[in-house]
Protein backbone atom coordinates (compact mmCIF):
# COMPACT_ATOMS: atom_id res chain seq x y z
CA UNK A 1 235.09 -161.19 122.54
CA UNK A 2 235.78 -160.54 118.86
CA UNK A 3 238.31 -162.67 117.01
CA UNK A 4 241.37 -160.42 116.89
CA UNK A 5 242.99 -162.53 114.16
CA UNK A 6 240.38 -161.54 111.59
CA UNK A 7 240.26 -157.74 111.97
CA UNK A 8 239.75 -155.80 108.76
CA UNK A 9 241.46 -152.53 108.03
CA UNK A 10 239.26 -149.52 108.71
CA UNK A 11 238.84 -147.23 105.73
CA UNK A 12 235.38 -145.66 105.43
CA UNK A 13 235.78 -142.45 107.44
CA UNK A 14 233.60 -140.30 105.12
CA UNK A 15 236.18 -137.52 105.13
CA UNK A 16 234.04 -135.49 102.75
CA UNK A 17 231.07 -135.45 105.15
CA UNK A 18 231.29 -132.80 107.90
CA UNK A 19 230.21 -133.84 111.38
CA UNK A 20 226.86 -132.35 112.29
CA UNK A 21 225.87 -132.14 115.95
CA UNK A 22 222.51 -133.72 116.70
CA UNK A 23 220.39 -130.64 117.28
CA UNK A 24 217.40 -131.05 119.59
CA UNK A 25 214.10 -129.79 118.23
CA UNK A 26 212.65 -128.17 121.34
CA UNK A 27 213.02 -124.50 122.24
CA UNK A 28 215.45 -123.85 125.07
CA UNK A 29 216.43 -127.51 125.48
CA UNK A 30 219.54 -127.69 123.32
CA UNK A 31 221.99 -127.71 126.25
CA UNK A 32 220.17 -130.28 128.38
CA UNK A 33 221.55 -133.74 129.09
CA UNK A 34 220.60 -136.60 126.77
CA UNK A 35 218.26 -138.10 129.36
CA UNK A 36 216.37 -134.83 129.81
CA UNK A 37 216.03 -134.42 126.05
CA UNK A 38 214.90 -138.02 125.68
CA UNK A 39 212.19 -137.50 128.28
CA UNK A 40 211.04 -134.25 126.66
CA UNK A 41 210.81 -136.12 123.34
CA UNK A 42 208.20 -138.33 125.05
CA UNK A 43 206.15 -135.25 125.96
CA UNK A 44 206.54 -133.37 122.66
CA UNK A 45 206.22 -135.17 119.33
CA UNK A 46 209.55 -135.03 117.47
CA UNK A 47 207.58 -135.04 114.19
CA UNK A 48 205.60 -131.87 114.91
CA UNK A 49 207.52 -130.41 117.85
CA UNK A 50 204.23 -130.07 119.72
CA UNK A 51 202.13 -131.91 122.27
CA UNK A 52 198.57 -132.78 123.14
CA UNK A 53 198.75 -133.38 126.86
CA UNK A 54 195.67 -134.91 128.41
CA UNK A 55 195.21 -133.35 131.85
CA UNK A 56 193.43 -135.58 134.35
CA UNK A 57 195.11 -134.44 137.58
CA UNK A 58 192.13 -132.36 138.80
CA UNK A 59 191.32 -134.82 141.57
CA UNK A 60 194.43 -133.93 143.55
CA UNK A 61 192.61 -130.91 144.97
CA UNK A 62 188.95 -131.19 143.95
CA UNK A 63 188.18 -134.89 144.15
CA UNK A 64 186.15 -136.76 141.52
CA UNK A 65 185.61 -134.08 138.87
CA UNK A 66 182.78 -134.48 136.36
CA UNK A 67 184.12 -136.75 133.65
CA UNK A 68 186.78 -138.22 135.95
CA UNK A 69 184.46 -140.22 138.20
CA UNK A 70 185.81 -143.43 136.63
CA UNK A 71 189.19 -142.87 135.03
CA UNK A 72 189.34 -146.51 133.94
CA UNK A 73 186.10 -146.12 131.98
CA UNK A 74 186.27 -142.52 130.74
CA UNK A 75 189.97 -141.80 130.29
CA UNK A 76 191.80 -145.01 129.39
CA UNK A 77 190.17 -145.13 125.91
CA UNK A 78 191.62 -141.67 125.21
CA UNK A 79 195.24 -142.58 125.94
CA UNK A 80 196.16 -143.83 122.43
CA UNK A 81 195.46 -140.33 121.11
CA UNK A 82 197.39 -138.31 123.72
CA UNK A 83 200.99 -137.27 123.13
CA UNK A 84 201.39 -137.18 126.91
CA UNK A 85 199.31 -137.73 130.02
CA UNK A 86 199.30 -135.39 133.02
CA UNK A 87 198.19 -137.22 136.14
CA UNK A 88 198.92 -138.05 139.77
CA UNK A 89 200.94 -141.03 140.93
CA UNK A 90 197.84 -142.53 142.53
CA UNK A 91 195.99 -142.67 139.22
CA UNK A 92 199.13 -143.75 137.36
CA UNK A 93 199.71 -146.75 139.60
CA UNK A 94 196.10 -147.84 139.99
CA UNK A 95 194.58 -147.16 136.60
CA UNK A 96 197.08 -146.55 133.77
CA UNK A 97 198.54 -149.62 132.08
CA UNK A 98 202.35 -149.88 132.16
CA UNK A 99 202.13 -150.54 128.42
CA UNK A 100 201.39 -146.82 127.96
CA UNK A 101 204.64 -145.65 126.37
CA UNK A 102 203.96 -141.97 125.72
CA UNK A 103 205.13 -139.33 128.15
CA UNK A 104 203.72 -139.08 131.67
CA UNK A 105 203.84 -135.67 133.32
CA UNK A 106 203.50 -136.31 137.02
CA UNK A 107 201.69 -133.89 139.33
CA UNK A 108 204.31 -133.27 142.01
CA UNK A 109 202.74 -130.54 144.15
CA UNK A 110 199.68 -130.56 146.38
CA UNK A 111 198.31 -130.06 149.86
CA UNK A 112 195.20 -127.89 150.12
CA UNK A 113 191.81 -128.90 148.77
CA UNK A 114 189.26 -126.57 147.19
CA UNK A 115 188.08 -125.92 150.75
CA UNK A 116 191.33 -124.10 151.62
CA UNK A 117 193.77 -121.54 150.19
CA UNK A 118 195.06 -123.27 147.06
CA UNK A 119 198.39 -121.44 146.90
CA UNK A 120 199.51 -123.08 150.16
CA UNK A 121 201.00 -126.06 148.31
CA UNK A 122 204.05 -128.17 149.11
CA UNK A 123 206.00 -130.70 147.09
CA UNK A 124 204.04 -133.93 147.30
CA UNK A 125 206.24 -136.44 145.46
CA UNK A 126 209.71 -137.74 146.24
CA UNK A 127 212.17 -137.59 143.34
CA UNK A 128 213.07 -141.26 143.81
CA UNK A 129 209.43 -142.20 143.36
CA UNK A 130 209.21 -140.12 140.18
CA UNK A 131 212.24 -142.01 138.89
CA UNK A 132 210.69 -145.37 139.87
CA UNK A 133 207.62 -144.43 137.87
CA UNK A 134 209.82 -143.55 134.89
CA UNK A 135 207.91 -140.32 134.28
CA UNK A 136 208.87 -137.95 131.49
CA UNK A 137 208.42 -134.78 133.56
CA UNK A 138 207.12 -133.44 136.86
CA UNK A 139 204.58 -130.62 137.23
CA UNK A 140 204.46 -128.04 140.00
CA UNK A 141 201.97 -125.21 140.52
CA UNK A 142 203.38 -121.68 140.78
CA UNK A 143 201.12 -118.98 142.26
CA UNK A 144 202.68 -115.71 141.11
CA UNK A 145 200.77 -113.02 142.99
CA UNK A 146 199.15 -115.50 145.32
CA UNK A 147 199.22 -115.47 149.10
CA UNK A 148 201.92 -118.17 149.20
CA UNK A 149 203.78 -116.99 146.08
CA UNK A 150 207.31 -117.37 147.50
CA UNK A 151 206.57 -120.83 148.86
CA UNK A 152 205.24 -122.02 145.52
CA UNK A 153 208.22 -120.58 143.65
CA UNK A 154 210.52 -122.33 146.13
CA UNK A 155 208.62 -125.57 145.49
CA UNK A 156 209.44 -125.21 141.80
CA UNK A 157 213.12 -124.38 142.28
CA UNK A 158 213.56 -127.34 144.64
CA UNK A 159 211.87 -129.62 142.13
CA UNK A 160 214.07 -128.30 139.32
CA UNK A 161 217.20 -129.06 141.38
CA UNK A 162 215.98 -132.53 142.28
CA UNK A 163 214.94 -133.21 138.71
CA UNK A 164 218.29 -132.14 137.29
CA UNK A 165 220.03 -134.72 139.47
CA UNK A 166 217.70 -137.46 138.22
CA UNK A 167 217.42 -136.28 134.61
CA UNK A 168 213.69 -135.44 134.89
CA UNK A 169 212.41 -132.12 133.44
CA UNK A 170 210.10 -129.79 135.38
CA UNK A 171 206.88 -128.21 134.12
CA UNK A 172 205.99 -124.94 135.81
CA UNK A 173 202.20 -124.43 135.89
CA UNK A 174 201.09 -120.81 136.25
CA UNK A 175 198.12 -120.83 138.60
CA UNK A 176 195.55 -118.08 138.47
CA UNK A 177 193.55 -117.32 141.60
CA UNK A 178 190.11 -115.78 141.67
CA UNK A 179 191.45 -112.27 142.21
CA UNK A 180 194.35 -112.39 139.74
CA UNK A 181 194.22 -110.55 136.42
CA UNK A 182 194.23 -112.81 133.39
CA UNK A 183 196.02 -110.74 130.75
CA UNK A 184 199.19 -110.94 128.68
CA UNK A 185 201.11 -108.71 131.08
CA UNK A 186 200.47 -111.07 134.00
CA UNK A 187 201.27 -114.20 132.01
CA UNK A 188 204.47 -112.67 130.63
CA UNK A 189 205.49 -112.10 134.25
CA UNK A 190 204.48 -115.53 135.53
CA UNK A 191 205.88 -117.61 132.65
CA UNK A 192 209.16 -115.70 132.54
CA UNK A 193 209.68 -116.17 136.29
CA UNK A 194 209.15 -119.92 135.90
CA UNK A 195 211.60 -120.12 133.00
CA UNK A 196 214.21 -117.87 134.61
CA UNK A 197 214.22 -120.05 137.73
CA UNK A 198 214.69 -123.27 135.81
CA UNK A 199 211.40 -124.71 134.53
CA UNK A 200 211.99 -126.61 131.30
CA UNK A 201 208.53 -125.87 129.93
CA UNK A 202 205.61 -123.82 131.21
CA UNK A 203 201.85 -124.31 131.18
CA UNK A 204 199.73 -121.17 131.05
CA UNK A 205 196.38 -119.85 129.90
CA UNK A 206 195.48 -118.36 126.54
CA UNK A 207 194.50 -114.71 126.27
CA UNK A 208 192.84 -113.12 123.25
CA UNK A 209 195.19 -110.15 123.12
CA UNK A 210 198.95 -110.40 123.32
CA UNK A 211 199.40 -114.14 123.71
CA UNK A 212 202.16 -114.06 121.09
CA UNK A 213 204.14 -111.78 123.43
CA UNK A 214 203.82 -114.39 126.19
CA UNK A 215 205.28 -117.14 124.00
CA UNK A 216 207.93 -114.85 122.50
CA UNK A 217 209.23 -113.62 125.87
CA UNK A 218 209.46 -117.09 127.40
CA UNK A 219 212.72 -118.90 126.51
CA UNK A 220 211.20 -122.36 126.99
CA UNK A 221 208.13 -123.97 125.38
CA UNK A 222 204.68 -122.72 126.39
CA UNK A 223 201.86 -125.26 126.65
CA UNK A 224 198.37 -123.78 126.65
CA UNK A 225 196.05 -124.78 129.48
CA UNK A 226 192.59 -125.80 128.33
CA UNK A 227 190.74 -124.17 131.22
CA UNK A 228 187.00 -124.37 131.65
CA UNK A 229 184.72 -126.33 129.33
CA UNK A 230 183.91 -124.51 126.09
CA UNK A 231 181.76 -125.44 123.10
CA UNK A 232 183.81 -127.76 120.89
CA UNK A 233 184.38 -125.27 118.05
CA UNK A 234 185.46 -122.59 120.54
CA UNK A 235 187.95 -124.98 122.17
CA UNK A 236 189.39 -125.96 118.80
CA UNK A 237 189.64 -122.30 117.80
CA UNK A 238 191.44 -121.43 121.01
CA UNK A 239 193.90 -124.29 120.45
CA UNK A 240 194.52 -123.19 116.86
CA UNK A 241 195.12 -119.59 117.85
CA UNK A 242 197.48 -120.60 120.64
CA UNK A 243 199.56 -122.78 118.32
CA UNK A 244 199.56 -120.11 115.61
CA UNK A 245 200.78 -117.60 118.18
CA UNK A 246 203.72 -119.67 119.36
CA UNK A 247 202.49 -122.30 121.82
CA UNK A 248 204.22 -125.68 121.65
CA UNK A 249 201.03 -127.56 122.41
CA UNK A 250 197.98 -127.76 124.63
CA UNK A 251 197.20 -129.40 127.94
CA UNK A 252 193.47 -130.03 127.80
CA UNK A 253 191.27 -131.81 130.28
CA UNK A 254 187.69 -130.66 130.66
CA UNK A 255 187.45 -129.62 127.00
CA UNK A 256 188.11 -133.25 126.12
CA UNK A 257 186.78 -135.54 128.84
CA UNK A 258 183.64 -133.44 129.48
CA UNK A 259 182.83 -133.42 125.78
CA UNK A 260 179.95 -135.57 124.51
CA UNK A 261 182.39 -137.53 122.33
CA UNK A 262 185.79 -137.40 124.04
CA UNK A 263 187.57 -139.84 121.70
CA UNK A 264 186.51 -137.80 118.69
CA UNK A 265 187.43 -134.53 120.40
CA UNK A 266 190.96 -135.52 121.36
CA UNK A 267 191.59 -136.57 117.75
CA UNK A 268 190.27 -133.24 116.49
CA UNK A 269 192.51 -131.40 118.95
CA UNK A 270 195.44 -133.52 117.77
CA UNK A 271 194.74 -132.55 114.15
CA UNK A 272 194.81 -128.87 115.11
CA UNK A 273 197.99 -129.14 117.19
CA UNK A 274 200.07 -131.51 115.08
CA UNK A 275 198.74 -130.74 111.59
CA UNK A 276 197.64 -127.10 112.05
CA UNK A 277 194.20 -128.06 110.78
CA UNK A 278 191.87 -125.07 110.71
CA UNK A 279 189.26 -125.04 113.50
CA UNK A 280 186.29 -125.41 111.16
CA UNK A 281 187.87 -128.43 109.47
CA UNK A 282 188.73 -129.93 112.84
CA UNK A 283 185.16 -129.43 114.01
CA UNK A 284 183.92 -131.24 110.88
CA UNK A 285 186.38 -134.03 111.68
CA UNK A 286 185.01 -134.15 115.22
CA UNK A 287 181.44 -134.48 113.93
CA UNK A 288 182.44 -137.21 111.48
CA UNK A 289 184.36 -139.22 114.07
CA UNK A 290 181.61 -138.70 116.60
CA UNK A 291 179.18 -140.62 114.43
CA UNK A 292 181.64 -143.19 113.05
CA UNK A 293 183.46 -144.29 116.18
CA UNK A 294 180.67 -146.27 117.84
CA UNK A 295 180.78 -148.49 114.77
CA UNK A 296 184.42 -148.44 113.67
CA UNK A 297 186.58 -146.54 116.13
CA UNK A 298 188.54 -145.13 113.16
CA UNK A 299 191.68 -143.30 114.21
CA UNK A 300 193.19 -140.26 112.51
CA UNK A 301 196.99 -140.24 112.25
CA UNK A 302 198.61 -137.31 114.04
């Protein structure tokens, strides 16, 4: 213990400096516990307030997706450029190095394959296992309007409750079935339900008209889903528009790992998300990196 005979008088109380509470940067997260905020700061960059999540959890219902046949070969080289990684616990344990220190968003729901009704999901991860894996958040699919809508909403609320006890945030993922309308009215409904029932951030799709109303009406951060593979400039444009219209980041999979130059593409997406680089400039960056990286592997700071 300290030597009590040599204590100095305290004097520097900075009486002229008012105490300022440490405000948290993320929308809707100001009242969360320190541990929850700390985990969210591993998903969203404190510097930009946004995230580039790399989604590679497709295999949990559709098996080895194109581009994900060998995660160790195709995905691991992308990890240094991702703000966060969205994956399953199977891939995390078998393939991702424990030296990966950015946020991991763990897929926590599952059940049916593409051969069955996808909305018939259950929780597929125990909260203690999520804590053992030290994940930054857990993701659950919510099928608003789907056949098993109530069940999927209940999955999310149960996961929120479990996560609150362990200090792990929950990501609500708005799932869109084949017969569901993809417009701003639907996504306002789906994202608001997720947020109202406790999700700490929500992943949803971009729509050309009214997306700003989706982000404005949701009291927690919206992360844009990448969706199907698009030409590179179109994907960068969609990301730029989403961020400009209020999204707190993107969760892209196929538009990165199915690209001809995935390492270059994820850096271009990062420049759009974190630096608000215009799509045309980001596409030029992509083309430059695409030709340079086989020789140098140059990295762009984001």
